[in-house]
Amino acid sequence: MLELRPTCEHCNKPLPPESLEARICSYECTFCVACVESVLGNVCPNCGGGFASRPIRPSTNWKGDNFLGKDPASTTVKHRPVDPAAHERFSGKIKTISPEKR
């Protein structure tokens, strides 16, 4: 089950389940679109992967109990601000490689 984290790990901006600004890597690290673009350069600081839009979990039980009421979003905040200089050292060698080839 995809964990819907409640905030951006860098800036702590709220990212509710319906947010169109949430971005995740394949390990579900969660950041807002502004941080992904302006701070991270589409390189996850935790794994080096790229980011994609986080899917929206339905709020209504349309079929088979697959909705927020049965599988709610996480309330556990993972606020781990990224050190821009350290991230640049890490991402510098891989940011020119497209995410699908990293």
N, C-alpha and C. Protein backbone atom coordinates (compact mmCIF):
# COMPACT_ATOMS: atom_id res chain seq x y z
N MET A 1 0.85 -1.17 0.00
CA MET A 1 0.00 0.00 0.00
C MET A 1 0.90 1.24 0.00
N LEU A 2 0.63 2.14 -0.90
CA LEU A 2 1.39 3.39 -0.99
C LEU A 2 1.14 4.24 0.25
N GLU A 3 2.23 4.65 0.89
CA GLU A 3 2.11 5.52 2.06
C GLU A 3 1.93 6.96 1.58
N LEU A 4 0.86 7.58 1.97
CA LEU A 4 0.62 8.98 1.60
C LEU A 4 1.12 9.86 2.73
N ARG A 5 2.37 10.30 2.63
CA ARG A 5 2.97 11.10 3.69
C ARG A 5 2.36 12.50 3.70
N PRO A 6 2.22 13.09 4.90
CA PRO A 6 1.44 14.31 5.04
C PRO A 6 2.14 15.62 4.68
N THR A 7 3.48 15.60 4.57
CA THR A 7 4.21 16.85 4.31
C THR A 7 5.42 16.61 3.43
N CYS A 8 5.97 17.70 2.91
CA CYS A 8 7.22 17.66 2.16
C CYS A 8 8.35 17.39 3.15
N GLU A 9 9.20 16.44 2.83
CA GLU A 9 10.30 16.09 3.72
C GLU A 9 11.30 17.23 3.88
N HIS A 10 11.39 18.12 2.90
CA HIS A 10 12.35 19.22 2.99
C HIS A 10 11.75 20.45 3.68
N CYS A 11 10.70 21.01 3.13
CA CYS A 11 10.17 22.29 3.65
C CYS A 11 9.00 22.13 4.61
N ASN A 12 8.51 20.90 4.76
CA ASN A 12 7.40 20.58 5.67
C ASN A 12 6.05 21.15 5.23
N LYS A 13 5.94 21.53 3.95
CA LYS A 13 4.67 22.03 3.42
C LYS A 13 3.63 20.91 3.50
N PRO A 14 2.41 21.21 3.95
CA PRO A 14 1.36 20.19 3.97
C PRO A 14 1.06 19.65 2.58
N LEU A 15 0.98 18.34 2.49
CA LEU A 15 0.63 17.67 1.24
C LEU A 15 -0.50 16.68 1.53
N PRO A 16 -1.72 17.18 1.63
CA PRO A 16 -2.85 16.31 1.93
C PRO A 16 -3.06 15.28 0.82
N PRO A 17 -3.84 14.25 1.07
CA PRO A 17 -4.01 13.17 0.08
C PRO A 17 -4.43 13.65 -1.31
N GLU A 18 -5.17 14.76 -1.37
CA GLU A 18 -5.66 15.25 -2.67
C GLU A 18 -4.69 16.22 -3.35
N SER A 19 -3.53 16.44 -2.77
CA SER A 19 -2.58 17.42 -3.32
C SER A 19 -2.04 17.01 -4.68
N LEU A 20 -2.06 17.95 -5.60
CA LEU A 20 -1.46 17.74 -6.92
C LEU A 20 0.00 18.17 -6.92
N GLU A 21 0.49 18.68 -5.80
CA GLU A 21 1.88 19.14 -5.69
C GLU A 21 2.82 18.10 -5.10
N ALA A 22 2.32 16.96 -4.68
CA ALA A 22 3.16 15.93 -4.06
C ALA A 22 3.91 15.14 -5.13
N ARG A 23 5.20 14.94 -4.86
CA ARG A 23 6.05 14.12 -5.73
C ARG A 23 6.68 13.03 -4.88
N ILE A 24 6.81 11.83 -5.46
CA ILE A 24 7.41 10.72 -4.73
C ILE A 24 8.45 10.03 -5.60
N CYS A 25 9.42 9.39 -4.93
CA CYS A 25 10.36 8.53 -5.64
C CYS A 25 9.84 7.10 -5.47
N SER A 26 10.57 6.12 -5.98
CA SER A 26 10.08 4.75 -5.90
C SER A 26 10.10 4.18 -4.48
N TYR A 27 10.78 4.88 -3.55
CA TYR A 27 10.77 4.47 -2.15
C TYR A 27 9.77 5.29 -1.33
N GLU A 28 8.93 6.05 -2.01
CA GLU A 28 7.88 6.87 -1.41
C GLU A 28 8.40 8.09 -0.65
N CYS A 29 9.68 8.45 -0.85
CA CYS A 29 10.15 9.72 -0.29
C CYS A 29 9.25 10.78 -0.90
N THR A 30 8.80 11.72 -0.09
CA THR A 30 7.78 12.66 -0.52
C THR A 30 8.25 14.10 -0.38
N PHE A 31 8.14 14.84 -1.48
CA PHE A 31 8.54 16.25 -1.51
C PHE A 31 7.51 17.02 -2.31
N CYS A 32 7.45 18.32 -2.10
CA CYS A 32 6.56 19.16 -2.90
C CYS A 32 7.23 19.45 -4.24
N VAL A 33 6.44 19.81 -5.23
CA VAL A 33 6.96 20.06 -6.56
C VAL A 33 7.99 21.19 -6.55
N ALA A 34 7.78 22.21 -5.73
CA ALA A 34 8.73 23.33 -5.67
C ALA A 34 10.10 22.86 -5.20
N CYS A 35 10.15 22.03 -4.18
CA CYS A 35 11.44 21.53 -3.68
C CYS A 35 12.09 20.58 -4.68
N VAL A 36 11.29 19.74 -5.34
CA VAL A 36 11.84 18.82 -6.34
C VAL A 36 12.50 19.62 -7.46
N GLU A 37 11.86 20.69 -7.89
CA GLU A 37 12.39 21.47 -9.01
C GLU A 37 13.49 22.44 -8.60
N SER A 38 13.33 23.14 -7.49
CA SER A 38 14.28 24.21 -7.16
C SER A 38 15.41 23.80 -6.23
N VAL A 39 15.21 22.79 -5.41
CA VAL A 39 16.24 22.38 -4.45
C VAL A 39 16.90 21.08 -4.87
N LEU A 40 16.09 20.11 -5.29
CA LEU A 40 16.60 18.76 -5.53
C LEU A 40 16.99 18.47 -6.98
N GLY A 41 16.52 19.27 -7.91
CA GLY A 41 16.84 19.02 -9.32
C GLY A 41 16.41 17.66 -9.80
N ASN A 42 15.28 17.17 -9.30
CA ASN A 42 14.70 15.87 -9.65
C ASN A 42 15.62 14.70 -9.29
N VAL A 43 16.42 14.87 -8.23
CA VAL A 43 17.26 13.78 -7.73
C VAL A 43 16.89 13.57 -6.26
N CYS A 44 16.36 12.39 -5.94
CA CYS A 44 15.99 12.11 -4.56
C CYS A 44 17.25 12.10 -3.70
N PRO A 45 17.26 12.86 -2.60
CA PRO A 45 18.44 12.92 -1.74
C PRO A 45 18.67 11.64 -0.96
N ASN A 46 17.67 10.76 -0.94
CA ASN A 46 17.78 9.53 -0.17
C ASN A 46 18.23 8.32 -1.00
N CYS A 47 17.89 8.32 -2.31
CA CYS A 47 18.24 7.15 -3.14
C CYS A 47 18.85 7.51 -4.48
N GLY A 48 18.71 8.75 -4.92
CA GLY A 48 19.26 9.15 -6.21
C GLY A 48 18.29 8.97 -7.37
N GLY A 49 17.12 8.46 -7.10
CA GLY A 49 16.13 8.28 -8.16
C GLY A 49 15.43 9.58 -8.52
N GLY A 50 14.56 9.50 -9.49
CA GLY A 50 13.77 10.66 -9.90
C GLY A 50 12.42 10.65 -9.21
N PHE A 51 11.61 11.63 -9.53
CA PHE A 51 10.31 11.79 -8.90
C PHE A 51 9.18 11.73 -9.92
N ALA A 52 8.02 11.32 -9.44
CA ALA A 52 6.79 11.29 -10.23
C ALA A 52 5.67 11.87 -9.37
N SER A 53 4.61 12.29 -10.00
CA SER A 53 3.45 12.78 -9.26
C SER A 53 2.89 11.67 -8.39
N ARG A 54 2.55 12.01 -7.15
CA ARG A 54 1.95 11.00 -6.26
C ARG A 54 0.50 10.80 -6.68
N PRO A 55 0.07 9.56 -6.82
CA PRO A 55 -1.32 9.30 -7.18
C PRO A 55 -2.29 9.78 -6.10
N ILE A 56 -3.49 10.07 -6.51
CA ILE A 56 -4.54 10.50 -5.59
C ILE A 56 -5.36 9.27 -5.20
N ARG A 57 -5.45 9.01 -3.91
CA ARG A 57 -6.29 7.91 -3.43
C ARG A 57 -7.72 8.43 -3.35
N PRO A 58 -8.69 7.72 -3.89
CA PRO A 58 -10.08 8.19 -3.87
C PRO A 58 -10.58 8.43 -2.44
N SER A 59 -11.34 9.48 -2.29
CA SER A 59 -11.94 9.78 -0.98
C SER A 59 -13.29 9.09 -0.82
N THR A 60 -13.84 8.60 -1.92
CA THR A 60 -15.14 7.93 -1.92
C THR A 60 -14.96 6.44 -2.20
N ASN A 61 -15.75 5.62 -1.54
CA ASN A 61 -15.71 4.18 -1.74
C ASN A 61 -16.44 3.83 -3.02
N TRP A 62 -15.78 3.98 -4.13
CA TRP A 62 -16.40 3.69 -5.42
C TRP A 62 -16.50 2.19 -5.67
N LYS A 63 -15.49 1.43 -5.17
CA LYS A 63 -15.49 0.00 -5.45
C LYS A 63 -14.55 -0.72 -4.48
N GLY A 64 -15.03 -1.76 -3.86
CA GLY A 64 -14.21 -2.68 -3.10
C GLY A 64 -13.48 -2.14 -1.89
N ASP A 65 -13.99 -1.11 -1.26
CA ASP A 65 -13.35 -0.51 -0.08
C ASP A 65 -11.93 -0.01 -0.35
N ASN A 66 -11.66 0.41 -1.57
CA ASN A 66 -10.37 0.99 -1.93
C ASN A 66 -10.50 2.52 -1.91
N PHE A 67 -10.36 3.09 -0.70
CA PHE A 67 -10.53 4.53 -0.56
C PHE A 67 -9.89 4.98 0.76
N LEU A 68 -9.80 6.30 0.93
CA LEU A 68 -9.16 6.87 2.11
C LEU A 68 -9.79 6.44 3.42
N GLY A 69 -11.09 6.21 3.42
CA GLY A 69 -11.77 5.82 4.65
C GLY A 69 -11.27 4.49 5.18
N LYS A 70 -10.89 3.58 4.31
CA LYS A 70 -10.36 2.28 4.72
C LYS A 70 -8.84 2.31 4.84
N ASP A 71 -8.19 3.02 3.95
CA ASP A 71 -6.73 3.12 3.93
C ASP A 71 -6.33 4.59 4.01
N PRO A 72 -6.36 5.16 5.21
CA PRO A 72 -6.11 6.59 5.36
C PRO A 72 -4.65 6.96 5.10
N ALA A 73 -4.45 8.23 4.83
CA ALA A 73 -3.10 8.77 4.64
C ALA A 73 -2.35 8.71 5.97
N SER A 74 -1.04 8.65 5.87
CA SER A 74 -0.20 8.64 7.06
C SER A 74 -0.28 9.99 7.77
N THR A 75 -0.09 9.98 9.06
CA THR A 75 -0.01 11.22 9.83
C THR A 75 1.41 11.42 10.38
N THR A 76 2.31 10.50 10.04
CA THR A 76 3.69 10.57 10.52
C THR A 76 4.50 11.51 9.63
N VAL A 77 4.95 12.59 10.21
CA VAL A 77 5.75 13.57 9.47
C VAL A 77 7.20 13.11 9.44
N LYS A 78 7.80 13.17 8.26
CA LYS A 78 9.22 12.86 8.08
C LYS A 78 9.90 14.12 7.58
N HIS A 79 10.12 15.05 8.49
CA HIS A 79 10.75 16.32 8.13
C HIS A 79 12.26 16.17 8.26
N ARG A 80 12.91 16.05 7.09
CA ARG A 80 14.36 15.88 7.03
C ARG A 80 14.91 16.86 6.02
N PRO A 81 15.06 18.13 6.41
CA PRO A 81 15.53 19.13 5.46
C PRO A 81 16.86 18.72 4.81
N VAL A 82 16.96 19.02 3.55
CA VAL A 82 18.14 18.67 2.76
C VAL A 82 19.17 19.78 2.87
N ASP A 83 20.41 19.42 3.09
CA ASP A 83 21.52 20.38 3.07
C ASP A 83 21.85 20.61 1.59
N PRO A 84 21.60 21.81 1.07
CA PRO A 84 21.81 22.06 -0.37
C PRO A 84 23.24 21.76 -0.84
N ALA A 85 24.24 22.09 -0.05
CA ALA A 85 25.62 21.84 -0.47
C ALA A 85 25.91 20.34 -0.52
N ALA A 86 25.46 19.61 0.48
CA ALA A 86 25.66 18.16 0.50
C ALA A 86 24.90 17.51 -0.65
N HIS A 87 23.69 18.01 -0.93
CA HIS A 87 22.90 17.43 -2.03
C HIS A 87 23.58 17.70 -3.37
N GLU A 88 24.15 18.88 -3.53
CA GLU A 88 24.85 19.19 -4.77
C GLU A 88 26.05 18.26 -4.97
N ARG A 89 26.77 17.98 -3.91
CA ARG A 89 27.90 17.04 -4.02
C ARG A 89 27.41 15.65 -4.40
N PHE A 90 26.31 15.22 -3.80
CA PHE A 90 25.73 13.91 -4.09
C PHE A 90 25.16 13.85 -5.50
N SER A 91 24.33 14.84 -5.85
CA SER A 91 23.60 14.78 -7.11
C SER A 91 24.41 15.26 -8.31
N GLY A 92 25.50 15.95 -8.06
CA GLY A 92 26.28 16.52 -9.15
C GLY A 92 26.68 15.52 -10.22
N LYS A 93 27.05 14.33 -9.80
CA LYS A 93 27.53 13.32 -10.75
C LYS A 93 26.40 12.54 -11.43
N ILE A 94 25.17 12.64 -10.92
CA ILE A 94 24.09 11.84 -11.52
C ILE A 94 22.93 12.67 -12.07
N LYS A 95 22.88 13.96 -11.76
CA LYS A 95 21.70 14.75 -12.17
C LYS A 95 21.58 14.90 -13.68
N THR A 96 22.67 14.72 -14.43
CA THR A 96 22.59 14.82 -15.88
C THR A 96 22.12 13.50 -16.52
N ILE A 97 22.05 12.46 -15.73
CA ILE A 97 21.55 11.16 -16.21
C ILE A 97 20.04 11.15 -16.01
N SER A 98 19.28 10.85 -17.02
CA SER A 98 17.83 10.84 -16.87
C SER A 98 17.42 9.79 -15.83
N PRO A 99 16.36 10.07 -15.07
CA PRO A 99 15.96 9.16 -13.98
C PRO A 99 15.78 7.71 -14.42
N GLU A 100 15.29 7.49 -15.61
CA GLU A 100 15.05 6.10 -16.04
C GLU A 100 16.35 5.35 -16.35
N LYS A 101 17.47 6.05 -16.37
CA LYS A 101 18.76 5.40 -16.64
C LYS A 101 19.71 5.43 -15.43
N ARG A 102 19.26 5.95 -14.30
CA ARG A 102 20.13 6.02 -13.12
C ARG A 102 20.29 4.68 -12.48
